[in-house]
């Protein structure tokens, strides 16, 4: 598998793009985490509501137990205070529900903030890098001997601009048919350079 180009300048650009993508991913993961933490701080009022509800329930329940010891009206007062204590339970449940909702919103926002830019850039980067690896790896398989340069010379004649071919030879097709190794090598080099490869030595 050919991961990087042979040409130093192109290989440097590929390495730099890999590093920049890693930094990009790290940056947006950090920003997503920061977003999550900022939103989670909004659960403060929900926690206060939960604490207040728990306190109300505890206080009224305790008062009901004390009131139950009173003669005559003790049982009725205990029952009434017990019912009132349920409002504290309801309040506490509302606070807990609100806190859970805030946490879910914080998680979703954090993931969205991080995922959207990461997916966009990484998708483009993968498209370019995987495309290069597939083309370069396939081309590299044909470079085990100098005779294989014929294929790349033929591709060059069909794909390279005419003015570029003219700089190699006045009759590149004729030179290819005659087996002119110098012209074939120059033509192949043009095509291989576009794929980020070098022709074999010799």
N, C-alpha and C. Protein backbone atom coordinates (compact mmCIF):
# COMPACT_ATOMS: atom_id res chain seq x y z
N UNK A 1 0.85 -1.19 0.00
CA UNK A 1 0.00 0.00 0.00
C UNK A 1 0.88 1.24 0.00
N UNK A 2 0.58 2.15 -0.89
CA UNK A 2 1.37 3.38 -1.04
C UNK A 2 0.63 4.51 -0.34
N UNK A 3 1.11 4.90 0.84
CA UNK A 3 0.42 5.93 1.62
C UNK A 3 0.83 7.35 1.24
N UNK A 4 2.09 7.52 0.84
CA UNK A 4 2.60 8.86 0.55
C UNK A 4 3.34 8.88 -0.78
N UNK A 5 3.38 10.06 -1.37
CA UNK A 5 4.03 10.24 -2.66
C UNK A 5 5.54 10.12 -2.52
N UNK A 6 6.20 9.78 -3.64
CA UNK A 6 7.66 9.74 -3.66
C UNK A 6 8.25 11.14 -3.75
N UNK A 7 7.55 12.03 -4.46
CA UNK A 7 8.05 13.40 -4.63
C UNK A 7 8.06 14.11 -3.27
N UNK A 8 9.20 14.66 -2.86
CA UNK A 8 9.31 15.28 -1.52
C UNK A 8 8.28 16.38 -1.27
N UNK A 9 8.06 17.25 -2.27
CA UNK A 9 7.13 18.37 -2.06
C UNK A 9 5.71 17.86 -1.83
N UNK A 10 5.29 16.91 -2.65
CA UNK A 10 3.93 16.38 -2.49
C UNK A 10 3.80 15.57 -1.21
N UNK A 11 4.84 14.80 -0.88
CA UNK A 11 4.81 14.03 0.36
C UNK A 11 4.72 14.96 1.57
N UNK A 12 5.44 16.08 1.52
CA UNK A 12 5.38 17.06 2.62
C UNK A 12 3.98 17.63 2.75
N UNK A 13 3.35 17.95 1.60
CA UNK A 13 1.98 18.47 1.65
C UNK A 13 1.02 17.45 2.24
N UNK A 14 1.21 16.19 1.88
CA UNK A 14 0.33 15.14 2.42
C UNK A 14 0.51 14.98 3.93
N UNK A 15 1.76 14.98 4.38
CA UNK A 15 2.02 14.88 5.82
C UNK A 15 1.44 16.08 6.56
N UNK A 16 1.62 17.26 5.96
CA UNK A 16 1.09 18.48 6.59
C UNK A 16 -0.43 18.43 6.67
N UNK A 17 -1.07 17.94 5.61
CA UNK A 17 -2.54 17.84 5.63
C UNK A 17 -3.00 16.85 6.69
N UNK A 18 -2.26 15.75 6.86
CA UNK A 18 -2.63 14.77 7.90
C UNK A 18 -2.55 15.40 9.28
N UNK A 19 -1.46 16.15 9.52
CA UNK A 19 -1.29 16.79 10.83
C UNK A 19 -2.38 17.84 11.06
N UNK A 20 -2.68 18.63 10.02
CA UNK A 20 -3.71 19.67 10.16
C UNK A 20 -5.08 19.06 10.43
N UNK A 21 -5.38 17.93 9.80
CA UNK A 21 -6.67 17.27 10.06
C UNK A 21 -6.74 16.79 11.50
N UNK A 22 -5.63 16.22 12.01
CA UNK A 22 -5.61 15.79 13.41
C UNK A 22 -5.82 16.97 14.35
N UNK A 23 -5.16 18.09 14.05
CA UNK A 23 -5.33 19.29 14.88
C UNK A 23 -6.77 19.80 14.79
N UNK A 24 -7.34 19.76 13.60
CA UNK A 24 -8.73 20.19 13.40
C UNK A 24 -9.68 19.34 14.24
N UNK A 25 -9.48 18.02 14.20
CA UNK A 25 -10.33 17.12 14.99
C UNK A 25 -10.18 17.43 16.47
N UNK A 26 -8.92 17.59 16.93
CA UNK A 26 -8.69 17.89 18.34
C UNK A 26 -9.33 19.20 18.77
N UNK A 27 -9.25 20.22 17.90
CA UNK A 27 -9.84 21.53 18.21
C UNK A 27 -11.34 21.41 18.40
N UNK A 28 -12.02 20.73 17.47
CA UNK A 28 -13.48 20.67 17.55
C UNK A 28 -13.96 19.71 18.64
N UNK A 29 -13.17 18.71 18.97
CA UNK A 29 -13.51 17.88 20.13
C UNK A 29 -13.46 18.73 21.40
N UNK A 30 -12.43 19.59 21.49
CA UNK A 30 -12.30 20.47 22.65
C UNK A 30 -13.45 21.47 22.70
N UNK A 31 -13.80 22.07 21.55
CA UNK A 31 -14.90 23.03 21.51
C UNK A 31 -16.24 22.36 21.84
N UNK A 32 -16.42 21.13 21.37
CA UNK A 32 -17.63 20.39 21.72
C UNK A 32 -17.72 20.13 23.21
N UNK A 33 -16.57 19.81 23.81
CA UNK A 33 -16.54 19.58 25.25
C UNK A 33 -16.85 20.87 26.01
N UNK A 34 -16.29 21.97 25.54
CA UNK A 34 -16.56 23.27 26.19
C UNK A 34 -18.03 23.63 26.10
N UNK A 35 -18.63 23.39 24.94
CA UNK A 35 -20.07 23.66 24.77
C UNK A 35 -20.88 22.82 25.75
N UNK A 36 -20.53 21.56 25.85
CA UNK A 36 -21.22 20.67 26.79
C UNK A 36 -21.12 21.20 28.22
N UNK A 37 -19.92 21.60 28.62
CA UNK A 37 -19.72 22.07 29.99
C UNK A 37 -20.49 23.36 30.28
N UNK A 38 -20.53 24.27 29.29
CA UNK A 38 -21.24 25.54 29.48
C UNK A 38 -22.74 25.28 29.65
N UNK A 39 -23.30 24.40 28.80
CA UNK A 39 -24.73 24.13 28.89
C UNK A 39 -25.07 23.39 30.18
N UNK A 40 -24.20 22.49 30.62
CA UNK A 40 -24.46 21.75 31.85
C UNK A 40 -24.56 22.68 33.05
N UNK A 41 -23.84 23.79 33.00
CA UNK A 41 -23.90 24.74 34.11
C UNK A 41 -25.31 25.33 34.29
N UNK A 42 -26.12 25.25 33.23
CA UNK A 42 -27.49 25.76 33.31
C UNK A 42 -28.40 24.88 34.16
N UNK A 43 -27.88 23.74 34.60
CA UNK A 43 -28.70 22.88 35.44
C UNK A 43 -28.72 23.34 36.89
N UNK A 44 -28.01 24.42 37.21
CA UNK A 44 -27.98 24.95 38.57
C UNK A 44 -29.37 25.20 39.14
N UNK A 45 -30.26 25.93 38.43
CA UNK A 45 -31.62 26.14 38.95
C UNK A 45 -32.38 24.83 39.15
N UNK A 46 -32.14 23.84 38.26
CA UNK A 46 -32.82 22.55 38.41
C UNK A 46 -32.35 21.85 39.68
N UNK A 47 -31.06 21.92 39.96
CA UNK A 47 -30.54 21.31 41.18
C UNK A 47 -31.10 22.01 42.42
N UNK A 48 -31.23 23.34 42.33
CA UNK A 48 -31.82 24.09 43.45
C UNK A 48 -33.27 23.69 43.68
N UNK A 49 -33.99 23.48 42.58
CA UNK A 49 -35.39 23.06 42.68
C UNK A 49 -35.49 21.67 43.31
N UNK A 50 -34.60 20.78 42.91
CA UNK A 50 -34.58 19.44 43.50
C UNK A 50 -34.29 19.49 44.99
N UNK A 51 -33.30 20.31 45.35
CA UNK A 51 -32.93 20.43 46.76
C UNK A 51 -34.08 21.04 47.57
N UNK A 52 -34.75 22.06 46.99
CA UNK A 52 -35.87 22.69 47.70
C UNK A 52 -37.02 21.70 47.89
N UNK A 53 -37.31 20.91 46.86
CA UNK A 53 -38.37 19.92 46.98
C UNK A 53 -38.05 18.87 48.03
N UNK A 54 -36.81 18.43 48.06
CA UNK A 54 -36.40 17.44 49.06
C UNK A 54 -36.51 18.02 50.46
N UNK A 55 -36.10 19.29 50.59
CA UNK A 55 -36.17 19.96 51.89
C UNK A 55 -37.61 20.10 52.37
N UNK A 56 -38.51 20.52 51.45
CA UNK A 56 -39.92 20.69 51.80
C UNK A 56 -40.51 19.35 52.24
N UNK A 57 -40.22 18.31 51.46
CA UNK A 57 -40.75 16.99 51.79
C UNK A 57 -40.24 16.52 53.15
N UNK A 58 -38.94 16.71 53.38
CA UNK A 58 -38.36 16.28 54.66
C UNK A 58 -38.96 17.05 55.84
N UNK A 59 -39.09 18.38 55.66
CA UNK A 59 -39.60 19.22 56.75
C UNK A 59 -41.05 18.89 57.08
N UNK A 60 -41.88 18.80 56.04
CA UNK A 60 -43.30 18.53 56.27
C UNK A 60 -43.53 17.12 56.80
N UNK A 61 -42.72 16.17 56.31
CA UNK A 61 -42.86 14.80 56.84
C UNK A 61 -42.49 14.75 58.31
N UNK A 62 -41.41 15.48 58.64
CA UNK A 62 -40.99 15.52 60.05
C UNK A 62 -42.03 16.20 60.91
N UNK A 63 -42.62 17.29 60.38
CA UNK A 63 -43.66 18.00 61.13
C UNK A 63 -44.88 17.12 61.31
N UNK A 64 -45.19 16.32 60.29
CA UNK A 64 -46.34 15.42 60.38
C UNK A 64 -46.14 14.37 61.46
N UNK A 65 -44.92 13.85 61.56
CA UNK A 65 -44.65 12.88 62.61
C UNK A 65 -44.82 13.50 64.00
N UNK A 66 -44.36 14.73 64.13
CA UNK A 66 -44.50 15.42 65.41
C UNK A 66 -45.97 15.71 65.71
N UNK A 67 -46.69 16.16 64.67
CA UNK A 67 -48.10 16.52 64.85
C UNK A 67 -48.94 15.30 65.19
N UNK A 68 -48.51 14.13 64.73
CA UNK A 68 -49.26 12.91 65.01
C UNK A 68 -49.32 12.57 66.48
N UNK A 69 -48.46 13.17 67.25
CA UNK A 69 -48.45 12.90 68.69
C UNK A 69 -49.43 13.79 69.46
N UNK A 70 -50.00 14.77 68.77
CA UNK A 70 -50.95 15.67 69.45
C UNK A 70 -52.27 14.93 69.68
N UNK A 71 -52.92 15.21 70.79
CA UNK A 71 -54.23 14.57 71.05
C UNK A 71 -55.32 15.15 70.14
N UNK A 72 -56.33 14.37 69.88
CA UNK A 72 -57.52 14.75 69.12
C UNK A 72 -57.23 14.99 67.63
N UNK A 73 -56.52 16.05 67.32
CA UNK A 73 -56.31 16.43 65.91
C UNK A 73 -55.01 15.89 65.34
N UNK A 74 -54.27 15.13 66.11
CA UNK A 74 -52.94 14.68 65.68
C UNK A 74 -52.96 13.87 64.40
N UNK A 75 -53.87 12.88 64.31
CA UNK A 75 -53.92 12.03 63.13
C UNK A 75 -54.30 12.80 61.87
N UNK A 76 -55.32 13.68 62.02
CA UNK A 76 -55.74 14.47 60.85
C UNK A 76 -54.63 15.42 60.41
N UNK A 77 -53.98 16.04 61.39
CA UNK A 77 -52.90 16.97 61.06
C UNK A 77 -51.73 16.23 60.40
N UNK A 78 -51.42 15.05 60.89
CA UNK A 78 -50.35 14.25 60.30
C UNK A 78 -50.69 13.88 58.86
N UNK A 79 -51.96 13.51 58.62
CA UNK A 79 -52.38 13.16 57.27
C UNK A 79 -52.29 14.36 56.33
N UNK A 80 -52.72 15.52 56.84
CA UNK A 80 -52.69 16.74 56.00
C UNK A 80 -51.25 17.13 55.67
N UNK A 81 -50.37 17.07 56.68
CA UNK A 81 -48.96 17.41 56.44
C UNK A 81 -48.28 16.39 55.52
N UNK A 82 -48.72 15.12 55.62
CA UNK A 82 -48.17 14.10 54.71
C UNK A 82 -48.56 14.39 53.27
N UNK A 83 -49.80 14.82 53.08
CA UNK A 83 -50.23 15.18 51.72
C UNK A 83 -49.48 16.40 51.21
N UNK A 84 -49.27 17.37 52.10
CA UNK A 84 -48.52 18.57 51.71
C UNK A 84 -47.08 18.21 51.38
N UNK A 85 -46.52 17.20 52.08
CA UNK A 85 -45.13 16.79 51.80
C UNK A 85 -44.99 16.24 50.39
N UNK A 86 -46.08 15.72 49.83
CA UNK A 86 -46.03 15.20 48.46
C UNK A 86 -45.71 16.30 47.45
N UNK A 87 -46.11 17.54 47.79
CA UNK A 87 -45.78 18.64 46.88
C UNK A 87 -44.26 18.81 46.79
N UNK A 88 -43.58 18.56 47.90
CA UNK A 88 -42.12 18.61 47.88
C UNK A 88 -41.55 17.53 46.99
N UNK A 89 -42.16 16.34 47.05
CA UNK A 89 -41.72 15.25 46.17
C UNK A 89 -41.92 15.61 44.71
N UNK A 90 -43.07 16.22 44.41
CA UNK A 90 -43.35 16.65 43.03
C UNK A 90 -42.34 17.70 42.57
N UNK A 91 -42.05 18.63 43.48
CA UNK A 91 -41.08 19.68 43.17
C UNK A 91 -39.71 19.08 42.91
N UNK A 92 -39.32 18.14 43.74
CA UNK A 92 -38.02 17.48 43.59
C UNK A 92 -37.95 16.71 42.27
N UNK A 93 -39.04 16.02 41.93
CA UNK A 93 -39.08 15.26 40.67
C UNK A 93 -38.98 16.19 39.46
N UNK A 94 -39.65 17.36 39.56
CA UNK A 94 -39.56 18.34 38.47
C UNK A 94 -38.13 18.83 38.30
N UNK A 95 -37.45 19.09 39.41
CA UNK A 95 -36.05 19.53 39.34
C UNK A 95 -35.16 18.47 38.73
N UNK A 96 -35.37 17.21 39.14
CA UNK A 96 -34.57 16.12 38.58
C UNK A 96 -34.81 15.96 37.09
N UNK A 97 -36.07 16.06 36.67
CA UNK A 97 -36.41 15.96 35.25
C UNK A 97 -35.77 17.09 34.45
N UNK A 98 -35.81 18.31 35.02
CA UNK A 98 -35.21 19.45 34.33
C UNK A 98 -33.69 19.27 34.19
N UNK A 99 -33.05 18.76 35.26
CA UNK A 99 -31.60 18.53 35.21
C UNK A 99 -31.25 17.49 34.16
N UNK A 100 -32.07 16.44 34.07
CA UNK A 100 -31.83 15.40 33.07
C UNK A 100 -31.96 15.97 31.66
N UNK A 101 -32.96 16.82 31.46
CA UNK A 101 -33.15 17.45 30.15
C UNK A 101 -31.97 18.34 29.78
N UNK A 102 -31.49 19.10 30.76
CA UNK A 102 -30.33 19.98 30.50
C UNK A 102 -29.11 19.14 30.12
N UNK A 103 -28.90 18.03 30.81
CA UNK A 103 -27.76 17.17 30.51
C UNK A 103 -27.87 16.58 29.10
N UNK A 104 -29.08 16.20 28.71
CA UNK A 104 -29.26 15.65 27.37
C UNK A 104 -29.01 16.71 26.30
N UNK A 105 -29.54 17.91 26.54
CA UNK A 105 -29.31 19.01 25.59
C UNK A 105 -27.83 19.33 25.50
N UNK A 106 -27.13 19.33 26.64
CA UNK A 106 -25.70 19.60 26.65
C UNK A 106 -24.94 18.55 25.85
N UNK A 107 -25.33 17.29 26.01
CA UNK A 107 -24.67 16.21 25.27
C UNK A 107 -24.89 16.35 23.77
N UNK A 108 -26.16 16.60 23.38
CA UNK A 108 -26.48 16.72 21.95
C UNK A 108 -25.77 17.92 21.33
N UNK A 109 -25.81 19.07 22.00
CA UNK A 109 -25.15 20.25 21.47
C UNK A 109 -23.64 20.04 21.36
N UNK A 110 -23.06 19.43 22.38
CA UNK A 110 -21.62 19.16 22.33
C UNK A 110 -21.25 18.26 21.17
N UNK A 111 -22.05 17.22 20.96
CA UNK A 111 -21.79 16.31 19.84
C UNK A 111 -21.97 17.00 18.50
N UNK A 112 -23.02 17.82 18.37
CA UNK A 112 -23.27 18.50 17.10
C UNK A 112 -22.15 19.50 16.80
N UNK A 113 -21.78 20.29 17.80
CA UNK A 113 -20.71 21.27 17.61
C UNK A 113 -19.41 20.60 17.16
N UNK A 114 -19.11 19.44 17.74
CA UNK A 114 -17.88 18.74 17.38
C UNK A 114 -18.01 17.96 16.08
N UNK A 115 -19.14 17.26 15.91
CA UNK A 115 -19.26 16.30 14.82
C UNK A 115 -19.38 16.95 13.44
N UNK A 116 -20.15 18.03 13.33
CA UNK A 116 -20.42 18.60 12.00
C UNK A 116 -19.13 19.04 11.29
N UNK A 117 -18.32 19.92 11.90
CA UNK A 117 -17.08 20.31 11.20
C UNK A 117 -16.10 19.15 11.04
N UNK A 118 -16.07 18.24 12.01
CA UNK A 118 -15.15 17.10 11.90
C UNK A 118 -15.55 16.21 10.72
N UNK A 119 -16.83 15.89 10.62
CA UNK A 119 -17.29 15.01 9.54
C UNK A 119 -17.05 15.66 8.18
N UNK A 120 -17.32 16.95 8.05
CA UNK A 120 -17.13 17.63 6.77
C UNK A 120 -15.67 17.58 6.31
N UNK A 121 -14.76 17.95 7.21
CA UNK A 121 -13.34 18.02 6.83
C UNK A 121 -12.75 16.62 6.67
N UNK A 122 -13.05 15.73 7.60
CA UNK A 122 -12.49 14.38 7.53
C UNK A 122 -13.01 13.63 6.30
N UNK A 123 -14.27 13.86 5.93
CA UNK A 123 -14.82 13.22 4.72
C UNK A 123 -14.05 13.67 3.48
N UNK A 124 -13.80 14.97 3.36
CA UNK A 124 -13.05 15.49 2.22
C UNK A 124 -11.62 14.96 2.23
N UNK A 125 -11.01 14.97 3.43
CA UNK A 125 -9.62 14.47 3.56
C UNK A 125 -9.54 13.00 3.18
N UNK A 126 -10.49 12.19 3.66
CA UNK A 126 -10.49 10.77 3.33
C UNK A 126 -10.68 10.54 1.83
N UNK A 127 -11.56 11.35 1.23
CA UNK A 127 -11.80 11.21 -0.22
C UNK A 127 -10.50 11.43 -0.99
N UNK A 128 -9.77 12.48 -0.62
CA UNK A 128 -8.52 12.79 -1.32
C UNK A 128 -7.45 11.75 -1.02
N UNK A 129 -7.28 11.42 0.27
CA UNK A 129 -6.20 10.51 0.66
C UNK A 129 -6.45 9.08 0.16
N UNK A 130 -7.68 8.59 0.32
CA UNK A 130 -7.98 7.24 -0.13
C UNK A 130 -7.86 7.15 -1.65
N UNK A 131 -8.29 8.21 -2.35
CA UNK A 131 -8.14 8.23 -3.80
C UNK A 131 -6.68 8.13 -4.21
N UNK A 132 -5.82 8.91 -3.53
CA UNK A 132 -4.39 8.84 -3.83
C UNK A 132 -3.83 7.45 -3.55
N UNK A 133 -4.15 6.90 -2.38
CA UNK A 133 -3.62 5.59 -1.99
C UNK A 133 -4.03 4.52 -3.00
N UNK A 134 -5.26 4.55 -3.44
CA UNK A 134 -5.73 3.54 -4.40
C UNK A 134 -5.00 3.69 -5.73
N UNK A 135 -4.90 4.93 -6.23
CA UNK A 135 -4.24 5.13 -7.53
C UNK A 135 -2.74 4.82 -7.44
N UNK A 136 -2.09 5.33 -6.38
CA UNK A 136 -0.65 5.14 -6.26
C UNK A 136 -0.30 3.68 -6.01
N UNK A 137 -1.12 2.99 -5.21
CA UNK A 137 -0.85 1.58 -4.93
C UNK A 137 -1.02 0.75 -6.20
N UNK A 138 -2.06 1.07 -6.99
CA UNK A 138 -2.27 0.35 -8.25
C UNK A 138 -1.11 0.62 -9.21
N UNK A 139 -0.69 1.88 -9.30
CA UNK A 139 0.41 2.22 -10.21
C UNK A 139 1.72 1.57 -9.78
N UNK A 140 1.95 1.52 -8.47
CA UNK A 140 3.20 0.96 -7.96
C UNK A 140 3.36 -0.51 -8.35
N UNK A 141 2.25 -1.22 -8.50
CA UNK A 141 2.33 -2.63 -8.87
C UNK A 141 2.91 -2.83 -10.26
N UNK A 142 2.81 -1.80 -11.10
CA UNK A 142 3.33 -1.91 -12.46
C UNK A 142 4.78 -1.43 -12.57
N UNK A 143 5.37 -1.01 -11.49
CA UNK A 143 6.71 -0.44 -11.55
C UNK A 143 7.80 -1.40 -11.09
N UNK A 144 7.60 -2.69 -11.28
CA UNK A 144 8.62 -3.64 -10.86
C UNK A 144 9.73 -3.80 -11.88
N UNK A 145 9.54 -3.26 -13.08
CA UNK A 145 10.59 -3.30 -14.10
C UNK A 145 10.42 -2.12 -15.04
N UNK A 146 11.52 -1.78 -15.72
CA UNK A 146 11.48 -0.62 -16.62
C UNK A 146 10.55 -0.86 -17.80
N UNK A 147 10.30 -2.15 -18.18
CA UNK A 147 9.40 -2.42 -19.30
C UNK A 147 7.98 -1.93 -19.02
N UNK A 148 7.62 -1.87 -17.75
CA UNK A 148 6.27 -1.45 -17.40
C UNK A 148 6.03 0.04 -17.66
N UNK A 149 7.09 0.77 -18.00
CA UNK A 149 6.92 2.20 -18.28
C UNK A 149 6.12 2.43 -19.54
N UNK A 150 6.03 1.41 -20.42
CA UNK A 150 5.23 1.55 -21.64
C UNK A 150 3.79 1.92 -21.31
N UNK A 151 3.24 1.28 -20.30
CA UNK A 151 1.85 1.54 -19.92
C UNK A 151 1.65 3.00 -19.53
N UNK A 152 2.57 3.52 -18.72
CA UNK A 152 2.44 4.90 -18.26
C UNK A 152 2.72 5.90 -19.39
N UNK A 153 3.62 5.53 -20.31
CA UNK A 153 3.87 6.38 -21.48
C UNK A 153 2.60 6.46 -22.33
N UNK A 154 1.93 5.32 -22.51
CA UNK A 154 0.70 5.30 -23.30
C UNK A 154 -0.38 6.14 -22.62
N UNK A 155 -0.50 6.03 -21.30
CA UNK A 155 -1.47 6.84 -20.56
C UNK A 155 -1.15 8.33 -20.69
N UNK A 156 0.14 8.65 -20.65
CA UNK A 156 0.55 10.05 -20.77
C UNK A 156 0.11 10.62 -22.11
N UNK A 157 0.26 9.84 -23.19
CA UNK A 157 -0.13 10.33 -24.52
C UNK A 157 -1.63 10.54 -24.62
N UNK A 158 -2.40 9.82 -23.84
CA UNK A 158 -3.85 9.98 -23.91
C UNK A 158 -4.38 11.01 -22.92
N UNK A 159 -3.58 11.38 -21.93
CA UNK A 159 -4.09 12.25 -20.88
C UNK A 159 -3.36 13.59 -20.75
N UNK A 160 -2.10 13.65 -21.12
CA UNK A 160 -1.36 14.89 -20.93
C UNK A 160 -1.70 15.90 -22.04
N UNK A 161 -1.64 17.21 -21.72
CA UNK A 161 -1.90 18.23 -22.74
C UNK A 161 -0.89 18.13 -23.89
N UNK A 162 -1.31 18.52 -25.08
CA UNK A 162 -0.45 18.41 -26.26
C UNK A 162 0.82 19.25 -26.12
N UNK A 163 0.71 20.43 -25.53
CA UNK A 163 1.92 21.26 -25.40
C UNK A 163 2.95 20.61 -24.48
N UNK A 164 2.48 19.84 -23.50
CA UNK A 164 3.40 19.12 -22.61
C UNK A 164 4.06 17.98 -23.38
N UNK A 165 3.27 17.26 -24.18
CA UNK A 165 3.83 16.16 -24.98
C UNK A 165 4.84 16.67 -25.99
N UNK A 166 4.57 17.85 -26.55
CA UNK A 166 5.47 18.41 -27.55
C UNK A 166 6.83 18.74 -26.96
N UNK A 167 6.89 19.03 -25.67
CA UNK A 167 8.19 19.30 -25.04
C UNK A 167 9.02 18.03 -24.89
N UNK A 168 8.34 16.88 -24.92
CA UNK A 168 9.06 15.61 -24.81
C UNK A 168 9.59 15.16 -26.17
N UNK A 169 8.73 15.25 -27.19
CA UNK A 169 9.13 14.79 -28.53
C UNK A 169 8.20 15.41 -29.56
N UNK A 170 8.73 15.61 -30.77
CA UNK A 170 7.89 16.10 -31.86
C UNK A 170 6.90 15.03 -32.32
N UNK A 171 7.26 13.76 -32.09
CA UNK A 171 6.40 12.64 -32.49
C UNK A 171 6.39 11.61 -31.37
N UNK A 172 5.69 11.92 -30.24
CA UNK A 172 5.72 10.99 -29.11
C UNK A 172 5.12 9.63 -29.44
N UNK A 173 4.05 9.59 -30.26
CA UNK A 173 3.43 8.30 -30.61
C UNK A 173 4.38 7.46 -31.45
N UNK A 174 5.05 8.10 -32.39
CA UNK A 174 6.01 7.38 -33.22
C UNK A 174 7.17 6.86 -32.39
N UNK A 175 7.66 7.70 -31.48
CA UNK A 175 8.76 7.26 -30.61
C UNK A 175 8.33 6.09 -29.75
N UNK A 176 7.08 6.13 -29.29
CA UNK A 176 6.58 5.02 -28.46
C UNK A 176 6.51 3.74 -29.28
N UNK A 177 6.03 3.86 -30.54
CA UNK A 177 5.93 2.67 -31.39
C UNK A 177 7.31 2.12 -31.73
N UNK A 178 8.31 3.00 -31.90
CA UNK A 178 9.67 2.56 -32.21
C UNK A 178 10.38 2.00 -30.97
N UNK A 179 9.78 2.20 -29.80
CA UNK A 179 10.42 1.71 -28.58
C UNK A 179 11.55 2.60 -28.11
N UNK A 180 11.46 3.90 -28.40
CA UNK A 180 12.50 4.84 -27.98
C UNK A 180 12.45 4.96 -26.44
N UNK A 181 13.40 4.32 -25.79
CA UNK A 181 13.35 4.22 -24.32
C UNK A 181 13.45 5.58 -23.64
N UNK A 182 14.22 6.51 -24.22
CA UNK A 182 14.37 7.83 -23.59
C UNK A 182 13.04 8.57 -23.60
N UNK A 183 12.34 8.55 -24.76
CA UNK A 183 11.06 9.24 -24.86
C UNK A 183 10.01 8.53 -24.00
N UNK A 184 10.02 7.21 -24.03
CA UNK A 184 9.06 6.44 -23.21
C UNK A 184 9.24 6.78 -21.74
N UNK A 185 10.49 6.88 -21.32
CA UNK A 185 10.75 7.18 -19.91
C UNK A 185 10.27 8.58 -19.55
N UNK A 186 10.49 9.54 -20.44
CA UNK A 186 10.04 10.91 -20.17
C UNK A 186 8.51 10.98 -20.12
N UNK A 187 7.87 10.29 -21.06
CA UNK A 187 6.40 10.27 -21.06
C UNK A 187 5.87 9.61 -19.78
N UNK A 188 6.46 8.49 -19.41
CA UNK A 188 6.02 7.79 -18.21
C UNK A 188 6.24 8.64 -16.97
N UNK A 189 7.34 9.39 -16.97
CA UNK A 189 7.63 10.25 -15.81
C UNK A 189 6.55 11.30 -15.64
N UNK A 190 6.04 11.84 -16.75
CA UNK A 190 4.95 12.82 -16.67
C UNK A 190 3.73 12.23 -15.97
N UNK A 191 3.37 11.02 -16.36
CA UNK A 191 2.19 10.38 -15.78
C UNK A 191 2.42 9.98 -14.33
N UNK A 192 3.59 9.42 -14.07
CA UNK A 192 3.90 8.99 -12.70
C UNK A 192 3.95 10.18 -11.74
N UNK A 193 4.44 11.31 -12.24
CA UNK A 193 4.52 12.50 -11.39
C UNK A 193 3.12 12.93 -10.94
N UNK A 194 2.15 12.79 -11.83
CA UNK A 194 0.77 13.14 -11.45
C UNK A 194 0.23 12.19 -10.38
N UNK A 195 0.76 10.97 -10.35
CA UNK A 195 0.32 9.99 -9.35
C UNK A 195 1.20 10.04 -8.09
N UNK A 196 2.19 10.94 -8.07
CA UNK A 196 3.05 11.07 -6.91
C UNK A 196 4.14 10.01 -6.85
N UNK A 197 4.47 9.38 -7.98
CA UNK A 197 5.47 8.31 -8.00
C UNK A 197 6.67 8.71 -8.85
N UNK A 198 7.75 7.95 -8.66
CA UNK A 198 8.94 8.12 -9.46
C UNK A 198 9.13 6.87 -10.32
N UNK A 199 9.71 7.05 -11.52
CA UNK A 199 10.00 5.85 -12.33
C UNK A 199 11.11 5.05 -11.69
N UNK A 200 11.18 3.74 -11.97
CA UNK A 200 12.28 2.95 -11.42
C UNK A 200 13.61 3.41 -11.97
N UNK A 201 14.65 3.24 -11.18
CA UNK A 201 15.99 3.67 -11.64
C UNK A 201 16.49 2.75 -12.72
N UNK A 202 17.40 3.26 -13.56
CA UNK A 202 17.98 2.45 -14.62
C UNK A 202 17.24 2.61 -15.92
